[in-house]
């Protein structure tokens, strides 16, 4: 057997073994990764919603606005509408930023949670995760979202110094979601 064929067989054996190890690793870690993502999603959902006693992960209303489907997780307390939450996203400075936005029954923002913003600049754009920035949205009206833009763009949100692009992305994502909510608030609130 020539050296070329022997090298080809060895390389093939290593490739097959590596593929099998990767497939096994994927099979073993798939469920724990999915469970961790679900737990993270539920924690973000609960952190932005008002107090409720229903299964907010399952109690959903999907609406279409601006060519996008928005899934609203409805919170109920004693069977009465308490609020809703939706996931919103926009492109920040370093990549996509994903948020969870919670609303109260009175149509005001209850809270925001950053679900993903892993590539924002540390010390600048990453500050969008801080309560000092996220609290700027709390208590504001979801029914008229004209306020939801950074001051440079004519809104009422103070951007983080040195992180205007990240701040703008958060405001744009929240505004798009609030506008979708406002356009369908009645059907979200009355959903069975």
N, C-alpha and C. Protein backbone atom coordinates (compact mmCIF):
# COMPACT_ATOMS: atom_id res chain seq x y z
N UNK A 1 0.85 -1.17 0.00
CA UNK A 1 0.00 0.00 0.00
C UNK A 1 0.91 1.24 0.00
N UNK A 2 0.58 2.17 -0.85
CA UNK A 2 1.42 3.36 -0.98
C UNK A 2 1.15 4.34 0.16
N UNK A 3 2.10 5.25 0.38
CA UNK A 3 1.97 6.26 1.45
C UNK A 3 0.76 7.16 1.23
N UNK A 4 0.46 7.50 -0.01
CA UNK A 4 -0.69 8.37 -0.31
C UNK A 4 -2.00 7.74 0.11
N UNK A 5 -2.17 6.45 -0.18
CA UNK A 5 -3.41 5.75 0.19
C UNK A 5 -3.49 5.61 1.71
N UNK A 6 -2.35 5.28 2.35
CA UNK A 6 -2.31 5.14 3.81
C UNK A 6 -2.69 6.47 4.48
N UNK A 7 -2.16 7.58 4.00
CA UNK A 7 -2.50 8.90 4.55
C UNK A 7 -3.98 9.21 4.35
N UNK A 8 -4.52 8.85 3.19
CA UNK A 8 -5.93 9.07 2.91
C UNK A 8 -6.81 8.28 3.87
N UNK A 9 -6.45 7.03 4.15
CA UNK A 9 -7.22 6.21 5.08
C UNK A 9 -7.15 6.76 6.50
N UNK A 10 -5.98 7.20 6.92
CA UNK A 10 -5.82 7.77 8.26
C UNK A 10 -6.64 9.06 8.39
N UNK A 11 -6.54 9.91 7.38
CA UNK A 11 -7.31 11.16 7.40
C UNK A 11 -8.81 10.88 7.42
N UNK A 12 -9.25 9.92 6.65
CA UNK A 12 -10.67 9.53 6.62
C UNK A 12 -11.11 9.02 7.99
N UNK A 13 -10.28 8.18 8.62
CA UNK A 13 -10.62 7.64 9.94
C UNK A 13 -10.74 8.76 10.97
N UNK A 14 -9.79 9.71 10.95
CA UNK A 14 -9.87 10.85 11.88
C UNK A 14 -11.10 11.71 11.62
N UNK A 15 -11.45 11.91 10.38
CA UNK A 15 -12.62 12.72 10.02
C UNK A 15 -13.90 12.05 10.50
N UNK A 16 -14.01 10.76 10.28
CA UNK A 16 -15.20 10.03 10.72
C UNK A 16 -15.30 10.05 12.25
N UNK A 17 -14.17 9.82 12.92
CA UNK A 17 -14.17 9.83 14.40
C UNK A 17 -14.54 11.22 14.92
N UNK A 18 -14.00 12.26 14.32
CA UNK A 18 -14.32 13.63 14.75
C UNK A 18 -15.79 13.92 14.53
N UNK A 19 -16.34 13.52 13.40
CA UNK A 19 -17.76 13.72 13.11
C UNK A 19 -18.64 13.01 14.12
N UNK A 20 -18.28 11.79 14.49
CA UNK A 20 -19.06 11.03 15.46
C UNK A 20 -19.01 11.69 16.84
N UNK A 21 -17.83 12.18 17.24
CA UNK A 21 -17.70 12.86 18.53
C UNK A 21 -18.54 14.14 18.54
N UNK A 22 -18.51 14.91 17.45
CA UNK A 22 -19.33 16.13 17.38
C UNK A 22 -20.82 15.81 17.41
N UNK A 23 -21.23 14.77 16.71
CA UNK A 23 -22.65 14.38 16.70
C UNK A 23 -23.08 13.94 18.10
N UNK A 24 -22.24 13.17 18.78
CA UNK A 24 -22.56 12.72 20.12
C UNK A 24 -22.65 13.91 21.08
N UNK A 25 -21.69 14.84 20.99
CA UNK A 25 -21.69 16.03 21.85
C UNK A 25 -22.96 16.85 21.63
N UNK A 26 -23.35 17.01 20.38
CA UNK A 26 -24.57 17.75 20.06
C UNK A 26 -25.79 17.07 20.67
N UNK A 27 -25.87 15.76 20.55
CA UNK A 27 -27.01 15.02 21.09
C UNK A 27 -27.07 15.12 22.61
N UNK A 28 -25.92 15.08 23.26
CA UNK A 28 -25.88 15.12 24.72
C UNK A 28 -26.20 16.51 25.26
N UNK A 29 -25.77 17.56 24.57
CA UNK A 29 -25.94 18.92 25.09
C UNK A 29 -27.19 19.64 24.60
N UNK A 30 -27.88 19.10 23.62
CA UNK A 30 -29.05 19.78 23.06
C UNK A 30 -30.11 20.09 24.11
N UNK A 31 -30.53 19.09 24.88
CA UNK A 31 -31.59 19.29 25.88
C UNK A 31 -31.18 20.28 26.98
N UNK A 32 -29.98 20.15 27.57
CA UNK A 32 -29.60 21.13 28.60
C UNK A 32 -29.53 22.57 28.05
N UNK A 33 -29.07 22.72 26.83
CA UNK A 33 -29.00 24.07 26.24
C UNK A 33 -30.40 24.62 26.05
N UNK A 34 -31.31 23.81 25.53
CA UNK A 34 -32.70 24.25 25.34
C UNK A 34 -33.35 24.59 26.68
N UNK A 35 -33.10 23.78 27.70
CA UNK A 35 -33.66 24.06 29.04
C UNK A 35 -33.12 25.36 29.61
N UNK A 36 -31.84 25.62 29.41
CA UNK A 36 -31.23 26.87 29.89
C UNK A 36 -31.82 28.07 29.15
N UNK A 37 -32.01 27.95 27.84
CA UNK A 37 -32.62 29.05 27.06
C UNK A 37 -34.05 29.31 27.52
N UNK A 38 -34.79 28.25 27.76
CA UNK A 38 -36.18 28.40 28.21
C UNK A 38 -36.22 29.07 29.58
N UNK A 39 -35.35 28.66 30.48
CA UNK A 39 -35.31 29.27 31.81
C UNK A 39 -34.93 30.74 31.73
N UNK A 40 -33.99 31.08 30.86
CA UNK A 40 -33.59 32.48 30.67
C UNK A 40 -34.74 33.30 30.09
N UNK A 41 -35.46 32.72 29.13
CA UNK A 41 -36.61 33.39 28.53
C UNK A 41 -37.70 33.64 29.58
N UNK A 42 -38.01 32.62 30.38
CA UNK A 42 -39.04 32.76 31.41
C UNK A 42 -38.64 33.77 32.48
N UNK A 43 -37.37 33.79 32.85
CA UNK A 43 -36.89 34.78 33.84
C UNK A 43 -37.04 36.19 33.30
N UNK A 44 -36.69 36.40 32.03
CA UNK A 44 -36.83 37.73 31.42
C UNK A 44 -38.31 38.12 31.35
N UNK A 45 -39.14 37.17 30.98
CA UNK A 45 -40.58 37.42 30.86
C UNK A 45 -41.17 37.83 32.21
N UNK A 46 -40.86 37.06 33.23
CA UNK A 46 -41.37 37.35 34.58
C UNK A 46 -40.83 38.68 35.12
N UNK A 47 -39.61 39.03 34.75
CA UNK A 47 -39.00 40.26 35.29
C UNK A 47 -39.63 41.52 34.73
N UNK A 48 -40.26 41.46 33.56
CA UNK A 48 -40.82 42.67 32.96
C UNK A 48 -42.33 42.77 33.11
N UNK A 49 -42.98 41.68 33.49
CA UNK A 49 -44.44 41.68 33.61
C UNK A 49 -44.88 42.07 35.01
N UNK A 50 -46.09 42.64 35.12
CA UNK A 50 -46.65 42.86 36.46
C UNK A 50 -47.02 41.50 37.08
N UNK A 51 -47.31 41.49 38.35
CA UNK A 51 -47.66 40.25 39.06
C UNK A 51 -48.84 39.57 38.36
N UNK A 52 -48.72 38.25 38.20
CA UNK A 52 -49.77 37.50 37.53
C UNK A 52 -49.80 36.07 38.07
N UNK A 53 -50.88 35.35 37.75
CA UNK A 53 -51.00 33.98 38.23
C UNK A 53 -51.27 32.97 37.11
N UNK A 54 -51.11 33.37 35.87
CA UNK A 54 -51.31 32.45 34.75
C UNK A 54 -49.97 32.01 34.16
N UNK A 55 -50.02 31.09 33.23
CA UNK A 55 -48.81 30.62 32.54
C UNK A 55 -48.54 31.57 31.37
N UNK A 56 -47.72 32.57 31.61
CA UNK A 56 -47.48 33.61 30.60
C UNK A 56 -46.73 33.08 29.38
N UNK A 57 -46.00 31.99 29.54
CA UNK A 57 -45.29 31.42 28.39
C UNK A 57 -46.28 30.80 27.41
N UNK A 58 -47.39 30.28 27.92
CA UNK A 58 -48.37 29.62 27.06
C UNK A 58 -49.51 30.54 26.64
N UNK A 59 -49.81 31.56 27.44
CA UNK A 59 -50.92 32.47 27.15
C UNK A 59 -50.42 33.56 26.21
N UNK A 60 -50.53 33.32 24.90
CA UNK A 60 -49.96 34.21 23.89
C UNK A 60 -51.00 34.65 22.87
N UNK A 61 -50.77 35.83 22.33
CA UNK A 61 -51.56 36.36 21.23
C UNK A 61 -50.58 36.87 20.18
N UNK A 62 -50.67 36.35 18.97
CA UNK A 62 -49.79 36.79 17.89
C UNK A 62 -50.54 37.81 17.03
N UNK A 63 -49.88 38.91 16.74
CA UNK A 63 -50.44 39.94 15.86
C UNK A 63 -49.40 40.26 14.79
N UNK A 64 -49.89 40.71 13.64
CA UNK A 64 -48.99 41.08 12.55
C UNK A 64 -49.05 42.58 12.38
N UNK A 65 -47.87 43.20 12.44
CA UNK A 65 -47.77 44.66 12.29
C UNK A 65 -46.46 44.96 11.57
N UNK A 66 -46.53 45.76 10.55
CA UNK A 66 -45.32 46.15 9.82
C UNK A 66 -44.62 44.98 9.16
N UNK A 67 -45.38 43.98 8.74
CA UNK A 67 -44.80 42.82 8.08
C UNK A 67 -44.11 41.85 9.03
N UNK A 68 -44.28 42.05 10.33
CA UNK A 68 -43.65 41.20 11.32
C UNK A 68 -44.69 40.64 12.28
N UNK A 69 -44.50 39.41 12.69
CA UNK A 69 -45.40 38.81 13.68
C UNK A 69 -44.85 39.08 15.07
N UNK A 70 -45.70 39.65 15.90
CA UNK A 70 -45.33 39.97 17.28
C UNK A 70 -46.10 39.03 18.20
N UNK A 71 -45.38 38.28 19.01
CA UNK A 71 -46.02 37.39 19.98
C UNK A 71 -46.09 38.12 21.31
N UNK A 72 -47.30 38.33 21.78
CA UNK A 72 -47.54 39.02 23.04
C UNK A 72 -47.91 37.98 24.10
N UNK A 73 -47.14 37.93 25.16
CA UNK A 73 -47.41 37.02 26.27
C UNK A 73 -48.29 37.78 27.26
N UNK A 74 -49.48 37.27 27.47
CA UNK A 74 -50.49 37.97 28.26
C UNK A 74 -50.43 37.54 29.72
N UNK A 75 -50.38 38.54 30.60
CA UNK A 75 -50.39 38.30 32.05
C UNK A 75 -51.80 38.53 32.58
N UNK A 76 -52.26 37.62 33.41
CA UNK A 76 -53.58 37.74 34.04
C UNK A 76 -53.46 37.49 35.54
N UNK A 77 -54.25 38.21 36.27
CA UNK A 77 -54.30 38.02 37.73
C UNK A 77 -55.77 37.80 38.07
N UNK A 78 -56.08 36.59 38.55
CA UNK A 78 -57.47 36.26 38.85
C UNK A 78 -58.35 36.28 37.61
N UNK A 79 -57.77 35.97 36.45
CA UNK A 79 -58.51 35.95 35.19
C UNK A 79 -58.65 37.31 34.53
N UNK A 80 -58.17 38.37 35.18
CA UNK A 80 -58.28 39.72 34.65
C UNK A 80 -56.96 40.13 34.00
N UNK A 81 -57.04 40.80 32.86
CA UNK A 81 -55.85 41.25 32.14
C UNK A 81 -54.99 42.14 33.03
N UNK A 82 -53.71 41.77 33.19
CA UNK A 82 -52.79 42.54 34.03
C UNK A 82 -51.70 43.21 33.21
N UNK A 83 -51.47 42.72 31.99
CA UNK A 83 -50.44 43.30 31.14
C UNK A 83 -50.00 42.31 30.08
N UNK A 84 -48.97 42.69 29.35
CA UNK A 84 -48.45 41.84 28.28
C UNK A 84 -46.96 42.10 28.12
N UNK A 85 -46.30 41.18 27.47
CA UNK A 85 -44.87 41.34 27.18
C UNK A 85 -44.60 40.83 25.78
N UNK A 86 -43.64 41.44 25.13
CA UNK A 86 -43.24 41.00 23.79
C UNK A 86 -41.73 41.10 23.66
N UNK A 87 -41.22 40.36 22.70
CA UNK A 87 -39.79 40.40 22.39
C UNK A 87 -39.58 41.35 21.23
N UNK A 88 -38.58 42.21 21.34
CA UNK A 88 -38.26 43.18 20.29
C UNK A 88 -36.77 43.11 20.00
N UNK A 89 -36.38 43.46 18.78
CA UNK A 89 -34.96 43.43 18.44
C UNK A 89 -34.62 44.50 17.41
N UNK A 90 -33.36 44.87 17.41
CA UNK A 90 -32.82 45.83 16.43
C UNK A 90 -31.32 45.61 16.36
N UNK A 91 -30.70 46.14 15.33
CA UNK A 91 -29.26 46.01 15.18
C UNK A 91 -28.56 47.14 15.93
N UNK A 92 -27.70 46.76 16.86
CA UNK A 92 -26.91 47.71 17.62
C UNK A 92 -25.56 47.94 16.95
N UNK A 93 -24.64 48.47 17.69
CA UNK A 93 -23.31 48.75 17.16
C UNK A 93 -22.55 47.47 16.82
N UNK A 94 -22.65 46.47 17.69
CA UNK A 94 -21.89 45.24 17.50
C UNK A 94 -22.69 44.09 16.95
N UNK A 95 -23.98 44.25 16.75
CA UNK A 95 -24.81 43.15 16.27
C UNK A 95 -26.22 43.29 16.81
N UNK A 96 -26.99 42.22 16.71
CA UNK A 96 -28.38 42.30 17.15
C UNK A 96 -28.53 42.47 18.66
N UNK A 97 -29.53 43.26 19.03
CA UNK A 97 -29.90 43.45 20.43
C UNK A 97 -31.33 42.94 20.56
N UNK A 98 -31.54 42.03 21.51
CA UNK A 98 -32.88 41.50 21.75
C UNK A 98 -33.35 41.91 23.14
N UNK A 99 -34.59 42.34 23.21
CA UNK A 99 -35.17 42.84 24.45
C UNK A 99 -36.47 42.14 24.76
N UNK A 100 -36.84 42.15 26.01
CA UNK A 100 -38.17 41.74 26.43
C UNK A 100 -38.78 43.00 27.03
N UNK A 101 -39.97 43.38 26.56
CA UNK A 101 -40.64 44.60 27.00
C UNK A 101 -41.96 44.21 27.66
N UNK A 102 -42.19 44.66 28.88
CA UNK A 102 -43.41 44.36 29.60
C UNK A 102 -44.28 45.60 29.76
N UNK A 103 -45.59 45.38 29.67
CA UNK A 103 -46.56 46.47 29.78
C UNK A 103 -47.57 46.17 30.87
N UNK A 104 -48.07 47.22 31.49
CA UNK A 104 -49.14 47.09 32.49
C UNK A 104 -50.50 47.19 31.81
N UNK A 105 -51.52 46.85 32.53
CA UNK A 105 -52.88 46.92 32.00
C UNK A 105 -53.27 48.35 31.63
N UNK A 106 -52.69 49.34 32.30
CA UNK A 106 -53.04 50.73 32.00
C UNK A 106 -52.32 51.26 30.76
N UNK A 107 -51.55 50.41 30.08
CA UNK A 107 -50.90 50.83 28.84
C UNK A 107 -49.59 51.54 29.04
N UNK A 108 -48.93 51.32 30.17
CA UNK A 108 -47.61 51.92 30.39
C UNK A 108 -46.56 50.81 30.45
N UNK A 109 -45.32 51.20 30.19
CA UNK A 109 -44.22 50.25 30.21
C UNK A 109 -43.92 49.86 31.66
N UNK A 110 -43.92 48.57 31.93
CA UNK A 110 -43.63 48.06 33.26
C UNK A 110 -42.14 47.79 33.44
N UNK A 111 -41.49 47.33 32.37
CA UNK A 111 -40.06 47.04 32.48
C UNK A 111 -39.47 46.54 31.19
N UNK A 112 -38.15 46.59 31.12
CA UNK A 112 -37.39 46.09 29.98
C UNK A 112 -36.30 45.17 30.50
N UNK A 113 -35.98 44.16 29.72
CA UNK A 113 -34.85 43.28 30.03
C UNK A 113 -34.10 43.03 28.72
N UNK A 114 -32.80 43.14 28.77
CA UNK A 114 -31.98 42.83 27.61
C UNK A 114 -31.74 41.33 27.62
N UNK A 115 -32.22 40.66 26.57
CA UNK A 115 -32.08 39.22 26.46
C UNK A 115 -30.75 38.87 25.79
N UNK A 116 -30.36 39.65 24.79
CA UNK A 116 -29.09 39.40 24.09
C UNK A 116 -28.53 40.70 23.55
N UNK A 117 -27.28 40.95 23.86
CA UNK A 117 -26.52 42.09 23.34
C UNK A 117 -25.05 41.79 23.55
N UNK A 118 -24.68 40.60 23.17
CA UNK A 118 -23.36 40.07 23.49
C UNK A 118 -22.20 40.78 22.81
N UNK A 119 -22.47 41.45 21.70
CA UNK A 119 -21.35 42.03 20.96
C UNK A 119 -21.26 43.55 21.06
N UNK A 120 -22.01 44.13 21.99
CA UNK A 120 -21.90 45.57 22.19
C UNK A 120 -20.59 45.88 22.91
N UNK A 121 -20.04 47.04 22.65
CA UNK A 121 -18.74 47.42 23.20
C UNK A 121 -18.76 47.41 24.73
N UNK A 122 -17.86 46.63 25.35
CA UNK A 122 -17.81 46.61 26.82
C UNK A 122 -17.54 48.01 27.38
N UNK A 123 -18.29 48.37 28.41
CA UNK A 123 -18.10 49.66 29.05
C UNK A 123 -18.84 50.80 28.37
N UNK A 124 -19.30 50.60 27.15
CA UNK A 124 -20.08 51.62 26.45
C UNK A 124 -21.44 51.04 26.08
N UNK A 125 -21.52 50.40 24.93
CA UNK A 125 -22.79 49.84 24.47
C UNK A 125 -23.36 48.79 25.40
N UNK A 126 -22.49 48.08 26.10
CA UNK A 126 -22.97 47.05 27.02
C UNK A 126 -23.74 47.66 28.19
N UNK A 127 -23.62 48.97 28.38
CA UNK A 127 -24.34 49.65 29.47
C UNK A 127 -25.85 49.71 29.23
N UNK A 128 -26.31 49.30 28.05
CA UNK A 128 -27.76 49.26 27.81
C UNK A 128 -28.43 48.24 28.72
N UNK A 129 -27.65 47.35 29.32
CA UNK A 129 -28.19 46.33 30.22
C UNK A 129 -28.41 46.87 31.63
N UNK A 130 -27.87 48.04 31.91
CA UNK A 130 -27.95 48.60 33.26
C UNK A 130 -29.33 49.19 33.54
N UNK A 131 -29.76 49.05 34.78
CA UNK A 131 -31.06 49.55 35.20
C UNK A 131 -31.18 51.06 34.98
N UNK A 132 -30.08 51.78 35.14
CA UNK A 132 -30.11 53.24 34.97
C UNK A 132 -30.59 53.62 33.57
N UNK A 133 -30.26 52.83 32.57
CA UNK A 133 -30.72 53.10 31.21
C UNK A 133 -32.11 52.52 30.99
N UNK A 134 -32.33 51.29 31.36
CA UNK A 134 -33.61 50.62 31.12
C UNK A 134 -34.77 51.29 31.84
N UNK A 135 -34.50 51.87 33.00
CA UNK A 135 -35.55 52.54 33.78
C UNK A 135 -36.06 53.81 33.10
N UNK A 136 -35.33 54.32 32.10
CA UNK A 136 -35.79 55.52 31.38
C UNK A 136 -37.06 55.26 30.58
N UNK A 137 -37.38 53.98 30.36
CA UNK A 137 -38.56 53.61 29.59
C UNK A 137 -39.78 53.33 30.48
N UNK A 138 -39.53 53.02 31.74
CA UNK A 138 -40.60 52.63 32.66
C UNK A 138 -41.62 53.75 32.86
N UNK A 139 -42.88 53.32 32.96
CA UNK A 139 -43.96 54.25 33.25
C UNK A 139 -44.42 55.07 32.07
N UNK A 140 -43.81 54.90 30.93
CA UNK A 140 -44.18 55.68 29.75
C UNK A 140 -45.30 54.99 28.98
N UNK A 141 -46.04 55.77 28.21
CA UNK A 141 -47.21 55.27 27.49
C UNK A 141 -46.84 54.35 26.34
N UNK A 142 -47.55 53.24 26.27
CA UNK A 142 -47.38 52.31 25.16
C UNK A 142 -48.33 52.67 24.02
N UNK A 143 -49.32 53.47 24.30
CA UNK A 143 -50.34 53.78 23.30
C UNK A 143 -49.92 54.90 22.35
N UNK A 144 -48.97 55.71 22.75
CA UNK A 144 -48.42 56.76 21.89
C UNK A 144 -46.91 56.75 22.09
N UNK A 145 -46.21 56.11 21.17
CA UNK A 145 -44.77 55.86 21.33
C UNK A 145 -43.88 56.93 20.70
N UNK A 146 -44.43 58.12 20.43
CA UNK A 146 -43.59 59.15 19.83
C UNK A 146 -42.42 59.55 20.72
N UNK A 147 -42.55 59.37 22.01
CA UNK A 147 -41.49 59.70 22.96
C UNK A 147 -40.31 58.74 22.84
N UNK A 148 -40.54 57.58 22.26
CA UNK A 148 -39.55 56.49 22.29
C UNK A 148 -38.52 56.61 21.18
N UNK A 149 -37.60 57.54 21.37
CA UNK A 149 -36.45 57.74 20.49
C UNK A 149 -35.42 58.49 21.32
N UNK A 150 -34.16 58.39 20.94
CA UNK A 150 -33.14 59.15 21.67
C UNK A 150 -33.32 60.63 21.36
N UNK A 151 -32.85 61.48 22.23
CA UNK A 151 -33.03 62.93 22.07
C UNK A 151 -32.48 63.44 20.73
N UNK A 152 -31.36 62.86 20.27
CA UNK A 152 -30.80 63.27 18.97
C UNK A 152 -31.79 63.08 17.83
N UNK A 153 -32.72 62.13 18.01
CA UNK A 153 -33.71 61.83 16.99
C UNK A 153 -35.07 62.45 17.29
N UNK A 154 -35.11 63.35 18.26
CA UNK A 154 -36.35 64.04 18.59
C UNK A 154 -37.19 63.37 19.66
N UNK A 155 -36.66 62.36 20.32
CA UNK A 155 -37.40 61.66 21.36
C UNK A 155 -37.07 62.17 22.75
N UNK A 156 -37.44 61.37 23.74
CA UNK A 156 -37.26 61.77 25.13
C UNK A 156 -36.30 60.87 25.90
N UNK A 157 -35.62 59.97 25.21
CA UNK A 157 -34.71 59.05 25.88
C UNK A 157 -33.28 59.58 25.79
N UNK A 158 -32.64 59.75 26.94
CA UNK A 158 -31.24 60.17 26.96
C UNK A 158 -30.37 58.98 26.59
N UNK A 159 -29.60 59.13 25.52
CA UNK A 159 -28.69 58.07 25.09
C UNK A 159 -27.54 57.95 26.07
N UNK A 160 -26.95 56.78 26.12
CA UNK A 160 -25.77 56.58 26.94
C UNK A 160 -24.61 57.27 26.23
N UNK A 161 -23.85 58.07 26.96
CA UNK A 161 -22.72 58.80 26.38
C UNK A 161 -21.73 57.82 25.76
N UNK A 162 -21.42 58.03 24.49
CA UNK A 162 -20.50 57.17 23.77
C UNK A 162 -21.14 55.92 23.21
N UNK A 163 -22.43 55.75 23.41
CA UNK A 163 -23.13 54.55 22.95
C UNK A 163 -24.46 54.93 22.30
N UNK A 164 -24.44 55.96 21.48
CA UNK A 164 -25.68 56.42 20.85
C UNK A 164 -26.29 55.35 19.95
N UNK A 165 -25.46 54.63 19.22
CA UNK A 165 -25.99 53.61 18.30
C UNK A 165 -26.71 52.51 19.07
N UNK A 166 -26.13 52.04 20.15
CA UNK A 166 -26.77 51.01 20.97
C UNK A 166 -28.04 51.54 21.62
N UNK A 167 -27.98 52.76 22.14
CA UNK A 167 -29.16 53.38 22.76
C UNK A 167 -30.27 53.56 21.74
N UNK A 168 -29.89 54.01 20.55
CA UNK A 168 -30.86 54.20 19.47
C UNK A 168 -31.52 52.87 19.09
N UNK A 169 -30.73 51.80 19.02
CA UNK A 169 -31.26 50.49 18.66
C UNK A 169 -32.31 50.02 19.68
N UNK A 170 -32.02 50.22 20.96
CA UNK A 170 -32.98 49.85 22.00
C UNK A 170 -34.27 50.64 21.83
N UNK A 171 -34.14 51.95 21.66
CA UNK A 171 -35.33 52.80 21.50
C UNK A 171 -36.12 52.41 20.26
N UNK A 172 -35.45 52.13 19.15
CA UNK A 172 -36.15 51.74 17.93
C UNK A 172 -36.88 50.42 18.10
N UNK A 173 -36.23 49.46 18.76
CA UNK A 173 -36.86 48.16 18.99
C UNK A 173 -38.10 48.30 19.88
N UNK A 174 -37.95 49.07 20.96
CA UNK A 174 -39.08 49.27 21.87
C UNK A 174 -40.21 49.99 21.15
N UNK A 175 -39.88 51.03 20.40
CA UNK A 175 -40.91 51.80 19.70
C UNK A 175 -41.69 50.94 18.71
N UNK A 176 -40.98 50.11 17.93
CA UNK A 176 -41.66 49.24 16.96
C UNK A 176 -42.62 48.30 17.68
N UNK A 177 -42.18 47.75 18.80
CA UNK A 177 -43.05 46.86 19.56
C UNK A 177 -44.24 47.57 20.18
N UNK A 178 -44.01 48.78 20.69
CA UNK A 178 -45.11 49.56 21.28
C UNK A 178 -46.13 49.94 20.23
N UNK A 179 -45.67 50.29 19.05
CA UNK A 179 -46.60 50.63 17.97
C UNK A 179 -47.42 49.41 17.55
N UNK A 180 -46.78 48.24 17.51
CA UNK A 180 -47.52 47.01 17.19
C UNK A 180 -48.55 46.72 18.28
N UNK A 181 -48.15 46.91 19.53
CA UNK A 181 -49.08 46.70 20.64
C UNK A 181 -50.25 47.68 20.57
N UNK A 182 -49.94 48.95 20.36
CA UNK A 182 -51.00 49.97 20.33
C UNK A 182 -52.00 49.69 19.22
N UNK A 183 -51.54 49.20 18.09
CA UNK A 183 -52.44 48.90 16.99
C UNK A 183 -53.34 47.70 17.23
N UNK A 184 -53.00 46.88 18.22
CA UNK A 184 -53.76 45.66 18.48
C UNK A 184 -54.09 45.48 19.96
N UNK A 185 -54.01 46.55 20.74
CA UNK A 185 -54.20 46.47 22.19
C UNK A 185 -55.52 45.82 22.57
N UNK A 186 -56.57 46.18 21.89
CA UNK A 186 -57.88 45.62 22.23
C UNK A 186 -57.93 44.13 22.07
N UNK A 187 -57.42 43.62 20.96
CA UNK A 187 -57.47 42.17 20.75
C UNK A 187 -56.50 41.43 21.68
N UNK A 188 -55.40 42.06 22.05
CA UNK A 188 -54.47 41.42 23.00
C UNK A 188 -55.10 41.36 24.38
N UNK A 189 -55.73 42.45 24.81
CA UNK A 189 -56.35 42.50 26.13
C UNK A 189 -57.55 41.57 26.25
N UNK A 190 -58.31 41.39 25.16
CA UNK A 190 -59.52 40.57 25.19
C UNK A 190 -59.28 39.12 24.80
N UNK A 191 -58.06 38.75 24.49
CA UNK A 191 -57.79 37.37 24.05
C UNK A 191 -58.19 36.38 25.13
N UNK A 192 -58.76 35.25 24.71
CA UNK A 192 -59.18 34.25 25.70
C UNK A 192 -57.99 33.60 26.39
